Amino acid sequence: MAFVWISPSSPSSGTVIKVDIIGVPAIGADPRKTWTSSTAGHPPLFLGNVLHEKIPSARILLYDHLKPEERLLEVKELSDPEHKATAKEFASVEKAVAQYGTNQWADRLMEAVREDRASQNVCKGV
């Protein structure tokens, strides 16, 4: 579990970040794909860019419910020689993750927020 995209990565000079907006996708969904929209004939719209344009004093974060090692397990191609081993490992992780309840998912999100805020040295009230 981690934030996989943050905007702005470094605020413009004079810009004060007043609020964090966190995009939380469905459990297991890819946060970047969840918050991207495309229409034929138009460039793709990305939630982070759109919100940042509308609310420049906001820091936009995308949350990934899965830990990086959990997310890496699911992206192996069938042609990858490690596919079978990875598939078995992914199945065991997926089984454990599937047993999480709402409270565990919420705890993981709050842990990520606390870690991010500690690294940013900001509000300690969460």
Protein backbone atom coordinates (compact mmCIF):
# COMPACT_ATOMS: atom_id res chain seq x y z
CA MET A 1 0.00 0.00 0.00
CA ALA A 2 1.38 3.29 -1.04
CA PHE A 3 0.72 6.47 -2.90
CA VAL A 4 1.69 5.85 -6.51
CA TRP A 5 1.27 9.35 -7.91
CA ILE A 6 1.47 12.71 -6.25
CA SER A 7 0.83 16.11 -7.82
CA PRO A 8 2.47 18.47 -7.59
CA SER A 9 5.68 16.60 -6.89
CA SER A 10 7.15 19.95 -5.90
CA PRO A 11 4.83 22.93 -5.51
CA SER A 12 5.45 26.05 -7.57
CA SER A 13 7.20 28.80 -5.69
CA GLY A 14 4.65 30.69 -3.65
CA THR A 15 2.08 27.87 -3.81
CA VAL A 16 0.98 26.70 -0.39
CA ILE A 17 -0.55 23.23 -0.23
CA LYS A 18 -3.76 23.58 1.79
CA VAL A 19 -5.41 20.21 1.24
CA ASP A 20 -4.61 16.64 0.24
CA ILE A 21 -7.05 14.87 -2.09
CA ILE A 22 -6.65 11.10 -2.19
CA GLY A 23 -8.06 9.06 -5.08
CA VAL A 24 -8.91 5.60 -3.72
CA PRO A 25 -9.77 2.97 -6.36
CA ALA A 26 -11.62 -0.29 -5.88
CA ILE A 27 -9.58 -2.85 -3.96
CA GLY A 28 -7.11 -4.50 -6.33
CA ALA A 29 -7.75 -2.03 -9.17
CA ASP A 30 -4.85 -0.19 -10.79
CA PRO A 31 -5.13 3.36 -9.41
CA ARG A 32 -3.68 5.00 -12.53
CA LYS A 33 -6.12 3.26 -14.86
CA THR A 34 -9.05 3.83 -12.51
CA TRP A 35 -8.59 7.59 -12.56
CA THR A 36 -7.89 8.00 -16.28
CA SER A 37 -10.57 8.60 -18.87
CA SER A 38 -10.28 8.62 -22.61
CA THR A 39 -12.73 9.55 -25.31
CA ALA A 40 -12.13 8.91 -29.01
CA GLY A 41 -10.58 11.95 -30.63
CA HIS A 42 -9.61 13.56 -27.31
CA PRO A 43 -6.44 13.28 -25.20
CA PRO A 44 -6.81 11.15 -22.07
CA LEU A 45 -7.97 12.95 -18.95
CA PHE A 46 -6.23 12.11 -15.71
CA LEU A 47 -7.92 12.93 -12.41
CA GLY A 48 -4.71 14.30 -10.88
CA ASN A 49 -4.12 16.77 -13.69
CA VAL A 50 -7.74 17.89 -13.84
CA LEU A 51 -8.00 18.43 -10.08
CA HIS A 52 -4.65 20.18 -9.90
CA GLU A 53 -5.78 22.65 -12.58
CA LYS A 54 -9.03 23.33 -10.68
CA ILE A 55 -7.49 23.37 -7.17
CA PRO A 56 -3.84 24.45 -7.45
CA SER A 57 -3.44 24.53 -3.66
CA ALA A 58 -4.24 20.80 -3.46
CA ARG A 59 -1.83 17.92 -3.44
CA ILE A 60 -3.38 15.03 -5.38
CA LEU A 61 -2.44 11.50 -4.33
CA LEU A 62 -3.44 8.15 -5.81
CA TYR A 63 -3.61 5.29 -3.36
CA ASP A 64 -2.79 1.70 -4.23
CA HIS A 65 -4.30 -0.81 -1.80
CA LEU A 66 -1.65 -3.37 -2.68
CA LYS A 67 1.93 -3.25 -1.46
CA PRO A 68 4.49 -2.87 -4.28
CA GLU A 69 5.51 -6.52 -3.95
CA GLU A 70 1.85 -7.58 -4.19
CA ARG A 71 1.28 -5.39 -7.26
CA LEU A 72 4.43 -6.72 -8.98
CA LEU A 73 3.20 -10.29 -8.67
CA GLU A 74 0.20 -9.70 -10.91
CA VAL A 75 1.98 -8.12 -13.85
CA LYS A 76 3.97 -11.11 -15.12
CA GLU A 77 3.30 -12.01 -18.73
CA LEU A 78 2.59 -15.62 -19.72
CA SER A 79 5.81 -15.59 -21.75
CA ASP A 80 7.85 -14.65 -18.66
CA PRO A 81 9.88 -17.69 -17.50
CA GLU A 82 8.98 -16.82 -13.91
CA HIS A 83 5.25 -16.87 -14.67
CA LYS A 84 4.39 -20.19 -13.01
CA ALA A 85 6.31 -19.44 -9.81
CA THR A 86 4.88 -15.95 -9.76
CA ALA A 87 1.35 -17.26 -10.35
CA LYS A 88 1.66 -19.57 -7.31
CA GLU A 89 3.07 -16.78 -5.18
CA PHE A 90 0.38 -14.39 -6.39
CA ALA A 91 -2.33 -16.94 -5.59
CA SER A 92 -1.09 -17.24 -2.00
CA VAL A 93 -0.87 -13.45 -1.58
CA GLU A 94 -4.26 -13.00 -3.25
CA LYS A 95 -5.80 -15.50 -0.80
CA ALA A 96 -4.38 -13.60 2.18
CA VAL A 97 -5.43 -10.22 0.77
CA ALA A 98 -8.94 -11.52 0.02
CA GLN A 99 -9.39 -12.31 3.72
CA TYR A 100 -8.91 -8.68 4.76
CA GLY A 101 -12.00 -6.99 6.09
CA THR A 102 -13.01 -3.35 5.76
CA ASN A 103 -11.13 -2.42 8.92
CA GLN A 104 -7.84 -3.89 7.64
CA TRP A 105 -8.16 -2.03 4.32
CA ALA A 106 -8.96 1.20 6.17
CA ASP A 107 -6.00 0.65 8.52
CA ARG A 108 -3.67 0.20 5.54
CA LEU A 109 -4.89 3.47 4.00
CA MET A 110 -4.48 5.37 7.27
CA GLU A 111 -1.00 3.91 7.73
CA ALA A 112 -0.02 5.18 4.29
CA VAL A 113 -1.41 8.65 5.13
CA ARG A 114 0.51 8.73 8.43
CA GLU A 115 3.75 7.64 6.73
CA ASP A 116 3.34 10.24 3.98
CA ARG A 117 2.57 13.04 6.41
CA ALA A 118 5.50 12.07 8.62
CA SER A 119 7.80 12.19 5.59
CA GLN A 120 6.36 15.60 4.66
CA ASN A 121 6.58 16.82 8.27
CA VAL A 122 2.98 18.04 8.19
CA CYS A 123 -0.18 17.73 10.29
CA LYS A 124 0.14 15.01 12.90
CA GLY A 125 -3.59 14.79 13.63
CA VAL A 126 -4.27 11.68 11.52
